[in-house]
Amino acid sequence: MKITKNILVNIHYSLTDEQNNHLNPEDDELIYLHGGYGHIFEDFEKALEGKKVGENFKVTLPPQRAFGLYREDLVVREPIDELPEDIFIGMELDGMDEVSNETLIYTITDLEDDFAILNANHPFAGRTITFQGTIVELQSLSDEEVTVLLAHEEEHRFHHDK
């Protein structure tokens, strides 16, 4: 069996940046539905197309094809008295991008006397990343199984966003 549309793909992988820093030491397994469903980066998915169980892969993506370019405008300084009382470095807060009206997840990266620094960039933004690993398992799903899986994912996303 080869990786094609509607195949459930299980890979073991490492994720490194251009300085060979290991970015996912705690999580080396990924299971996703192949076929353009947006579960993994498009270029990564294209590179896995047609591979079989046991095959290795190595895919390098520039920032704009992976976690995005680092944007200074996504780093903001907010008065602490306008934030929840129990804030701490590493805490995530929802916010709105005033340009796109999209919900952003800000992480508190620093606390000053009266201000907090919040950053909505992905932690890996601005980095060229390399996925390297092995195809572990492939499972062919029926159209009905795909529909159920995608509906469950959408339901989970809906409840998570509330």
N, C-alpha and C. Protein backbone atom coordinates (compact mmCIF):
# COMPACT_ATOMS: atom_id res chain seq x y z
N MET A 1 0.86 -1.18 0.00
CA MET A 1 0.00 0.00 0.00
C MET A 1 0.90 1.24 0.00
N LYS A 2 0.47 2.22 -0.77
CA LYS A 2 1.20 3.48 -0.85
C LYS A 2 0.34 4.61 -0.26
N ILE A 3 1.01 5.69 0.14
CA ILE A 3 0.31 6.86 0.66
C ILE A 3 -0.40 7.57 -0.50
N THR A 4 -1.73 7.58 -0.42
CA THR A 4 -2.58 8.27 -1.37
C THR A 4 -3.74 8.88 -0.60
N LYS A 5 -4.66 9.51 -1.30
CA LYS A 5 -5.81 10.15 -0.66
C LYS A 5 -6.59 9.15 0.20
N ASN A 6 -6.99 9.62 1.38
CA ASN A 6 -7.79 8.87 2.34
C ASN A 6 -7.05 7.70 2.99
N ILE A 7 -5.74 7.81 3.04
CA ILE A 7 -4.93 6.86 3.79
C ILE A 7 -4.59 7.52 5.13
N LEU A 8 -4.83 6.79 6.22
CA LEU A 8 -4.43 7.25 7.54
C LEU A 8 -2.96 6.88 7.69
N VAL A 9 -2.11 7.89 7.89
CA VAL A 9 -0.66 7.72 7.88
C VAL A 9 -0.11 7.90 9.29
N ASN A 10 0.72 6.95 9.71
CA ASN A 10 1.40 7.03 11.00
C ASN A 10 2.89 7.10 10.72
N ILE A 11 3.54 8.19 11.18
CA ILE A 11 4.98 8.34 10.99
C ILE A 11 5.66 8.57 12.34
N HIS A 12 6.90 8.18 12.41
CA HIS A 12 7.79 8.57 13.50
C HIS A 12 8.79 9.53 12.89
N TYR A 13 9.04 10.66 13.55
CA TYR A 13 9.86 11.68 12.93
C TYR A 13 10.58 12.52 13.97
N SER A 14 11.59 13.22 13.49
CA SER A 14 12.22 14.27 14.28
C SER A 14 12.05 15.56 13.51
N LEU A 15 12.01 16.65 14.24
CA LEU A 15 11.86 17.97 13.65
C LEU A 15 13.05 18.80 14.11
N THR A 16 13.82 19.32 13.16
CA THR A 16 14.99 20.12 13.49
C THR A 16 14.96 21.44 12.73
N ASP A 17 15.69 22.42 13.25
CA ASP A 17 15.82 23.70 12.54
C ASP A 17 17.15 23.73 11.81
N GLU A 18 17.47 24.89 11.22
CA GLU A 18 18.68 25.00 10.40
C GLU A 18 19.97 24.86 11.20
N GLN A 19 19.92 25.03 12.52
CA GLN A 19 21.10 24.81 13.37
C GLN A 19 21.11 23.39 13.95
N ASN A 20 20.23 22.54 13.44
CA ASN A 20 20.09 21.16 13.87
C ASN A 20 19.60 21.04 15.32
N ASN A 21 18.89 22.07 15.82
CA ASN A 21 18.25 21.98 17.13
C ASN A 21 17.03 21.08 17.01
N HIS A 22 16.92 20.10 17.92
CA HIS A 22 15.79 19.16 17.92
C HIS A 22 14.58 19.89 18.51
N LEU A 23 13.51 20.04 17.70
CA LEU A 23 12.36 20.85 18.11
C LEU A 23 11.21 20.04 18.70
N ASN A 24 11.21 18.73 18.57
CA ASN A 24 10.11 17.92 19.09
C ASN A 24 10.59 16.73 19.93
N PRO A 25 11.43 16.95 20.92
CA PRO A 25 11.98 15.81 21.65
C PRO A 25 10.94 15.00 22.42
N GLU A 26 9.82 15.60 22.76
CA GLU A 26 8.80 14.90 23.55
C GLU A 26 7.76 14.20 22.69
N ASP A 27 7.69 14.52 21.41
CA ASP A 27 6.61 14.02 20.57
C ASP A 27 7.18 13.64 19.21
N ASP A 28 7.34 12.32 18.97
CA ASP A 28 7.95 11.90 17.72
C ASP A 28 7.01 11.10 16.83
N GLU A 29 5.72 11.06 17.18
CA GLU A 29 4.75 10.32 16.37
C GLU A 29 3.70 11.29 15.82
N LEU A 30 3.30 11.06 14.59
CA LEU A 30 2.26 11.86 13.96
C LEU A 30 1.35 10.93 13.19
N ILE A 31 0.04 11.06 13.39
CA ILE A 31 -0.95 10.34 12.62
C ILE A 31 -1.82 11.38 11.96
N TYR A 32 -1.98 11.28 10.64
CA TYR A 32 -2.78 12.27 9.92
C TYR A 32 -3.51 11.59 8.76
N LEU A 33 -4.56 12.24 8.27
CA LEU A 33 -5.30 11.76 7.12
C LEU A 33 -4.74 12.44 5.87
N HIS A 34 -4.22 11.62 4.95
CA HIS A 34 -3.59 12.14 3.73
C HIS A 34 -4.66 12.49 2.70
N GLY A 35 -4.45 13.59 1.99
CA GLY A 35 -5.36 13.92 0.90
C GLY A 35 -5.76 15.37 0.81
N GLY A 36 -4.94 16.27 1.32
CA GLY A 36 -5.25 17.68 1.17
C GLY A 36 -6.25 18.21 2.19
N TYR A 37 -6.31 17.59 3.35
CA TYR A 37 -7.26 18.01 4.39
C TYR A 37 -6.68 19.08 5.32
N GLY A 38 -5.44 19.49 5.08
CA GLY A 38 -4.82 20.53 5.89
C GLY A 38 -4.29 20.05 7.22
N HIS A 39 -4.08 18.75 7.36
CA HIS A 39 -3.59 18.21 8.63
C HIS A 39 -2.09 18.40 8.80
N ILE A 40 -1.37 18.47 7.70
CA ILE A 40 0.08 18.74 7.75
C ILE A 40 0.39 19.75 6.65
N PHE A 41 1.60 20.28 6.67
CA PHE A 41 2.01 21.26 5.67
C PHE A 41 1.90 20.65 4.28
N GLU A 42 1.39 21.44 3.34
CA GLU A 42 1.14 20.97 1.98
C GLU A 42 2.39 20.35 1.34
N ASP A 43 3.54 21.02 1.44
CA ASP A 43 4.76 20.51 0.82
C ASP A 43 5.22 19.21 1.49
N PHE A 44 5.00 19.08 2.78
CA PHE A 44 5.35 17.86 3.50
C PHE A 44 4.46 16.72 3.02
N GLU A 45 3.16 17.00 2.89
CA GLU A 45 2.23 15.97 2.42
C GLU A 45 2.60 15.52 1.01
N LYS A 46 2.93 16.46 0.13
CA LYS A 46 3.32 16.11 -1.24
C LYS A 46 4.55 15.22 -1.25
N ALA A 47 5.50 15.47 -0.36
CA ALA A 47 6.72 14.67 -0.30
C ALA A 47 6.46 13.25 0.18
N LEU A 48 5.40 13.04 0.97
CA LEU A 48 5.08 11.70 1.47
C LEU A 48 4.23 10.90 0.49
N GLU A 49 3.59 11.57 -0.46
CA GLU A 49 2.73 10.92 -1.46
C GLU A 49 3.48 9.77 -2.13
N GLY A 50 2.84 8.59 -2.15
CA GLY A 50 3.40 7.43 -2.84
C GLY A 50 4.36 6.59 -2.02
N LYS A 51 4.73 7.03 -0.82
CA LYS A 51 5.67 6.26 0.01
C LYS A 51 4.95 5.06 0.65
N LYS A 52 5.75 4.07 1.08
CA LYS A 52 5.23 2.84 1.67
C LYS A 52 5.75 2.69 3.10
N VAL A 53 5.13 1.77 3.84
CA VAL A 53 5.58 1.46 5.21
C VAL A 53 7.06 1.07 5.16
N GLY A 54 7.82 1.60 6.09
CA GLY A 54 9.24 1.31 6.20
C GLY A 54 10.12 2.29 5.45
N GLU A 55 9.54 3.08 4.55
CA GLU A 55 10.34 4.06 3.82
C GLU A 55 10.69 5.24 4.71
N ASN A 56 11.86 5.80 4.47
CA ASN A 56 12.32 6.99 5.19
C ASN A 56 12.00 8.24 4.38
N PHE A 57 11.98 9.37 5.06
CA PHE A 57 11.76 10.64 4.38
C PHE A 57 12.58 11.72 5.05
N LYS A 58 12.89 12.75 4.29
CA LYS A 58 13.53 13.95 4.81
C LYS A 58 13.00 15.11 3.98
N VAL A 59 12.33 16.03 4.64
CA VAL A 59 11.69 17.16 3.96
C VAL A 59 12.08 18.44 4.68
N THR A 60 12.65 19.39 3.95
CA THR A 60 13.04 20.68 4.52
C THR A 60 12.11 21.75 3.97
N LEU A 61 11.56 22.56 4.87
CA LEU A 61 10.62 23.62 4.49
C LEU A 61 11.12 24.97 4.98
N PRO A 62 11.07 25.99 4.11
CA PRO A 62 11.42 27.34 4.54
C PRO A 62 10.30 27.90 5.43
N PRO A 63 10.57 28.94 6.19
CA PRO A 63 9.56 29.47 7.12
C PRO A 63 8.21 29.75 6.48
N GLN A 64 8.21 30.36 5.30
CA GLN A 64 6.94 30.74 4.68
C GLN A 64 6.12 29.53 4.23
N ARG A 65 6.71 28.33 4.16
CA ARG A 65 5.98 27.11 3.79
C ARG A 65 5.72 26.24 5.01
N ALA A 66 6.14 26.73 6.19
CA ALA A 66 5.98 25.95 7.42
C ALA A 66 5.23 26.78 8.47
N PHE A 67 5.93 27.27 9.47
CA PHE A 67 5.29 27.98 10.59
C PHE A 67 5.20 29.49 10.39
N GLY A 68 5.60 29.97 9.21
CA GLY A 68 5.49 31.38 8.89
C GLY A 68 6.73 32.18 9.23
N LEU A 69 6.80 33.35 8.63
CA LEU A 69 7.87 34.28 8.93
C LEU A 69 7.60 34.90 10.30
N TYR A 70 8.64 35.27 11.00
CA TYR A 70 8.47 35.93 12.29
C TYR A 70 7.98 37.35 12.05
N ARG A 71 6.88 37.72 12.70
CA ARG A 71 6.29 39.04 12.51
C ARG A 71 6.37 39.84 13.80
N GLU A 72 7.11 40.96 13.75
CA GLU A 72 7.24 41.84 14.91
C GLU A 72 5.89 42.41 15.35
N ASP A 73 4.97 42.60 14.37
CA ASP A 73 3.66 43.17 14.71
C ASP A 73 2.80 42.22 15.53
N LEU A 74 3.22 40.96 15.68
CA LEU A 74 2.49 40.01 16.52
C LEU A 74 3.03 39.96 17.95
N VAL A 75 3.97 40.85 18.24
CA VAL A 75 4.49 41.00 19.61
C VAL A 75 3.95 42.31 20.14
N VAL A 76 3.20 42.23 21.25
CA VAL A 76 2.56 43.42 21.80
C VAL A 76 2.90 43.57 23.28
N ARG A 77 2.82 44.81 23.73
CA ARG A 77 3.07 45.15 25.14
C ARG A 77 1.74 45.64 25.70
N GLU A 78 1.20 44.89 26.67
CA GLU A 78 -0.12 45.20 27.22
C GLU A 78 -0.01 45.55 28.70
N PRO A 79 -0.79 46.54 29.15
CA PRO A 79 -0.82 46.83 30.58
C PRO A 79 -1.33 45.62 31.37
N ILE A 80 -0.64 45.29 32.43
CA ILE A 80 -1.02 44.13 33.25
C ILE A 80 -2.43 44.28 33.81
N ASP A 81 -2.83 45.51 34.13
CA ASP A 81 -4.17 45.68 34.72
C ASP A 81 -5.30 45.44 33.72
N GLU A 82 -4.98 45.25 32.43
CA GLU A 82 -5.99 44.91 31.43
C GLU A 82 -6.03 43.41 31.14
N LEU A 83 -5.25 42.64 31.87
CA LEU A 83 -5.16 41.19 31.67
C LEU A 83 -5.69 40.47 32.91
N PRO A 84 -5.96 39.16 32.79
CA PRO A 84 -6.42 38.41 33.97
C PRO A 84 -5.42 38.51 35.12
N GLU A 85 -5.91 38.39 36.33
CA GLU A 85 -5.06 38.58 37.52
C GLU A 85 -3.98 37.52 37.68
N ASP A 86 -4.25 36.31 37.24
CA ASP A 86 -3.35 35.19 37.51
C ASP A 86 -2.39 34.88 36.36
N ILE A 87 -1.97 35.91 35.62
CA ILE A 87 -1.11 35.67 34.46
C ILE A 87 0.29 35.21 34.88
N PHE A 88 0.93 34.47 33.96
CA PHE A 88 2.29 33.98 34.20
C PHE A 88 2.97 33.79 32.85
N ILE A 89 4.29 33.78 32.85
CA ILE A 89 5.05 33.57 31.62
C ILE A 89 4.73 32.17 31.10
N GLY A 90 4.40 32.11 29.82
CA GLY A 90 4.01 30.84 29.21
C GLY A 90 2.50 30.69 29.05
N MET A 91 1.73 31.51 29.77
CA MET A 91 0.28 31.46 29.69
C MET A 91 -0.17 31.89 28.29
N GLU A 92 -1.22 31.24 27.78
CA GLU A 92 -1.76 31.59 26.47
C GLU A 92 -3.08 32.33 26.65
N LEU A 93 -3.26 33.37 25.83
CA LEU A 93 -4.48 34.18 25.85
C LEU A 93 -4.98 34.36 24.43
N ASP A 94 -6.28 34.31 24.24
CA ASP A 94 -6.87 34.59 22.93
C ASP A 94 -6.90 36.08 22.69
N GLY A 95 -6.72 36.48 21.45
CA GLY A 95 -6.82 37.89 21.07
C GLY A 95 -7.24 37.99 19.62
N MET A 96 -7.57 39.19 19.19
CA MET A 96 -8.00 39.41 17.80
C MET A 96 -6.92 40.17 17.03
N ASP A 97 -6.68 39.72 15.81
CA ASP A 97 -5.83 40.46 14.90
C ASP A 97 -6.70 41.56 14.30
N GLU A 98 -6.34 42.79 14.57
CA GLU A 98 -7.16 43.92 14.15
C GLU A 98 -7.19 44.08 12.63
N VAL A 99 -6.21 43.54 11.92
CA VAL A 99 -6.17 43.64 10.46
C VAL A 99 -7.06 42.58 9.81
N SER A 100 -6.87 41.31 10.22
CA SER A 100 -7.59 40.21 9.57
C SER A 100 -8.85 39.78 10.32
N ASN A 101 -9.05 40.29 11.54
CA ASN A 101 -10.17 39.87 12.41
C ASN A 101 -10.12 38.39 12.75
N GLU A 102 -8.95 37.79 12.68
CA GLU A 102 -8.78 36.39 13.06
C GLU A 102 -8.41 36.30 14.53
N THR A 103 -8.82 35.19 15.16
CA THR A 103 -8.42 34.95 16.54
C THR A 103 -6.97 34.49 16.55
N LEU A 104 -6.18 35.10 17.41
CA LEU A 104 -4.78 34.73 17.58
C LEU A 104 -4.57 34.20 18.98
N ILE A 105 -3.62 33.31 19.14
CA ILE A 105 -3.24 32.82 20.45
C ILE A 105 -1.93 33.51 20.83
N TYR A 106 -2.00 34.32 21.86
CA TYR A 106 -0.81 35.03 22.36
C TYR A 106 -0.23 34.27 23.54
N THR A 107 1.08 34.17 23.58
CA THR A 107 1.78 33.58 24.72
C THR A 107 2.49 34.70 25.47
N ILE A 108 2.32 34.72 26.78
CA ILE A 108 3.02 35.72 27.59
C ILE A 108 4.48 35.30 27.66
N THR A 109 5.37 36.16 27.15
CA THR A 109 6.79 35.82 27.10
C THR A 109 7.63 36.58 28.12
N ASP A 110 7.06 37.66 28.68
CA ASP A 110 7.82 38.43 29.66
C ASP A 110 6.86 39.27 30.49
N LEU A 111 7.20 39.49 31.73
CA LEU A 111 6.42 40.36 32.61
C LEU A 111 7.33 41.46 33.12
N GLU A 112 6.92 42.70 32.89
CA GLU A 112 7.64 43.86 33.39
C GLU A 112 6.83 44.42 34.55
N ASP A 113 7.22 45.57 35.10
CA ASP A 113 6.53 46.13 36.26
C ASP A 113 5.02 46.24 36.04
N ASP A 114 4.62 46.96 35.03
CA ASP A 114 3.20 47.20 34.78
C ASP A 114 2.72 46.65 33.45
N PHE A 115 3.60 45.95 32.73
CA PHE A 115 3.25 45.48 31.39
C PHE A 115 3.61 44.01 31.21
N ALA A 116 2.90 43.37 30.28
CA ALA A 116 3.22 42.00 29.87
C ALA A 116 3.54 42.03 28.38
N ILE A 117 4.50 41.24 27.97
CA ILE A 117 4.84 41.09 26.56
C ILE A 117 4.14 39.81 26.07
N LEU A 118 3.31 39.98 25.04
CA LEU A 118 2.56 38.88 24.46
C LEU A 118 3.02 38.67 23.03
N ASN A 119 3.17 37.40 22.63
CA ASN A 119 3.68 37.08 21.31
C ASN A 119 2.75 36.06 20.65
N ALA A 120 2.20 36.42 19.48
CA ALA A 120 1.30 35.51 18.75
C ALA A 120 2.02 34.75 17.64
N ASN A 121 3.33 34.93 17.50
CA ASN A 121 4.08 34.13 16.54
C ASN A 121 4.14 32.69 17.04
N HIS A 122 4.12 31.74 16.11
CA HIS A 122 4.35 30.34 16.49
C HIS A 122 5.78 30.25 17.03
N PRO A 123 6.04 29.41 18.02
CA PRO A 123 7.42 29.31 18.54
C PRO A 123 8.47 28.98 17.48
N PHE A 124 8.07 28.33 16.38
CA PHE A 124 9.02 27.98 15.33
C PHE A 124 8.95 28.94 14.14
N ALA A 125 8.23 30.05 14.27
CA ALA A 125 8.13 31.03 13.18
C ALA A 125 9.53 31.54 12.83
N GLY A 126 9.76 31.73 11.55
CA GLY A 126 11.03 32.26 11.09
C GLY A 126 12.12 31.22 10.92
N ARG A 127 11.82 29.97 11.22
CA ARG A 127 12.83 28.92 11.12
C ARG A 127 12.60 28.04 9.90
N THR A 128 13.69 27.67 9.24
CA THR A 128 13.65 26.61 8.24
C THR A 128 13.67 25.31 9.01
N ILE A 129 12.71 24.43 8.72
CA ILE A 129 12.60 23.19 9.50
C ILE A 129 12.75 21.96 8.61
N THR A 130 13.24 20.89 9.22
CA THR A 130 13.39 19.62 8.51
C THR A 130 12.68 18.52 9.28
N PHE A 131 11.76 17.86 8.57
CA PHE A 131 11.11 16.65 9.08
C PHE A 131 11.92 15.47 8.55
N GLN A 132 12.29 14.55 9.44
CA GLN A 132 13.02 13.37 9.02
C GLN A 132 12.50 12.19 9.80
N GLY A 133 12.19 11.09 9.10
CA GLY A 133 11.67 9.94 9.82
C GLY A 133 11.32 8.78 8.92
N THR A 134 10.37 7.97 9.43
CA THR A 134 10.00 6.72 8.78
C THR A 134 8.49 6.57 8.76
N ILE A 135 7.97 6.01 7.67
CA ILE A 135 6.56 5.65 7.58
C ILE A 135 6.38 4.37 8.41
N VAL A 136 5.51 4.42 9.42
CA VAL A 136 5.34 3.30 10.34
C VAL A 136 4.14 2.43 9.98
N GLU A 137 3.02 3.06 9.65
CA GLU A 137 1.80 2.30 9.40
C GLU A 137 0.90 3.08 8.45
N LEU A 138 0.20 2.35 7.58
CA LEU A 138 -0.77 2.95 6.67
C LEU A 138 -2.08 2.19 6.80
N GLN A 139 -3.18 2.93 6.79
CA GLN A 139 -4.50 2.30 6.87
C GLN A 139 -5.41 2.97 5.86
N SER A 140 -6.01 2.17 5.00
CA SER A 140 -6.95 2.69 4.01
C SER A 140 -8.30 2.89 4.68
N LEU A 141 -8.88 4.08 4.52
CA LEU A 141 -10.18 4.38 5.11
C LEU A 141 -11.24 4.45 4.01
N SER A 142 -12.44 3.96 4.34
CA SER A 142 -13.57 4.08 3.43
C SER A 142 -14.05 5.53 3.42
N ASP A 143 -14.85 5.88 2.43
CA ASP A 143 -15.42 7.22 2.38
C ASP A 143 -16.20 7.52 3.65
N GLU A 144 -16.92 6.53 4.16
CA GLU A 144 -17.71 6.72 5.39
C GLU A 144 -16.79 6.98 6.58
N GLU A 145 -15.70 6.22 6.69
CA GLU A 145 -14.75 6.43 7.79
C GLU A 145 -14.10 7.81 7.72
N VAL A 146 -13.79 8.26 6.51
CA VAL A 146 -13.22 9.59 6.32
C VAL A 146 -14.22 10.64 6.78
N THR A 147 -15.48 10.50 6.39
CA THR A 147 -16.53 11.45 6.77
C THR A 147 -16.66 11.52 8.29
N VAL A 148 -16.67 10.36 8.95
CA VAL A 148 -16.79 10.31 10.41
C VAL A 148 -15.57 10.97 11.07
N LEU A 149 -14.39 10.66 10.57
CA LEU A 149 -13.16 11.24 11.13
C LEU A 149 -13.16 12.76 10.99
N LEU A 150 -13.51 13.26 9.81
CA LEU A 150 -13.52 14.70 9.59
C LEU A 150 -14.61 15.38 10.41
N ALA A 151 -15.76 14.74 10.57
CA ALA A 151 -16.84 15.30 11.39
C ALA A 151 -16.41 15.37 12.85
N HIS A 152 -15.73 14.32 13.32
CA HIS A 152 -15.26 14.32 14.71
C HIS A 152 -14.22 15.43 14.91
N GLU A 153 -13.34 15.58 13.94
CA GLU A 153 -12.33 16.64 14.02
C GLU A 153 -12.99 18.02 14.07
N GLU A 154 -13.98 18.24 13.23
CA GLU A 154 -14.68 19.52 13.19
C GLU A 154 -15.41 19.78 14.50
N GLU A 155 -16.03 18.74 15.04
CA GLU A 155 -16.74 18.88 16.33
C GLU A 155 -15.75 19.23 17.44
N HIS A 156 -14.59 18.56 17.45
CA HIS A 156 -13.57 18.85 18.45
C HIS A 156 -13.06 20.28 18.31
N ARG A 157 -12.84 20.72 17.07
CA ARG A 157 -12.36 22.08 16.82
C ARG A 157 -13.41 23.09 17.31
N PHE A 158 -14.68 22.83 17.03
CA PHE A 158 -15.76 23.73 17.43
C PHE A 158 -15.80 23.86 18.94
N HIS A 159 -15.73 22.74 19.65
CA HIS A 159 -15.79 22.79 21.12
C HIS A 159 -14.53 23.40 21.71
N HIS A 160 -13.38 23.16 21.06
CA HIS A 160 -12.13 23.74 21.56
C HIS A 160 -12.10 25.25 21.40
N ASP A 161 -12.70 25.74 20.31
CA ASP A 161 -12.69 27.18 20.04
C ASP A 161 -13.66 27.95 20.93
N LYS A 162 -14.60 27.27 21.57
CA LYS A 162 -15.59 27.98 22.40
C LYS A 162 -14.98 28.51 23.66
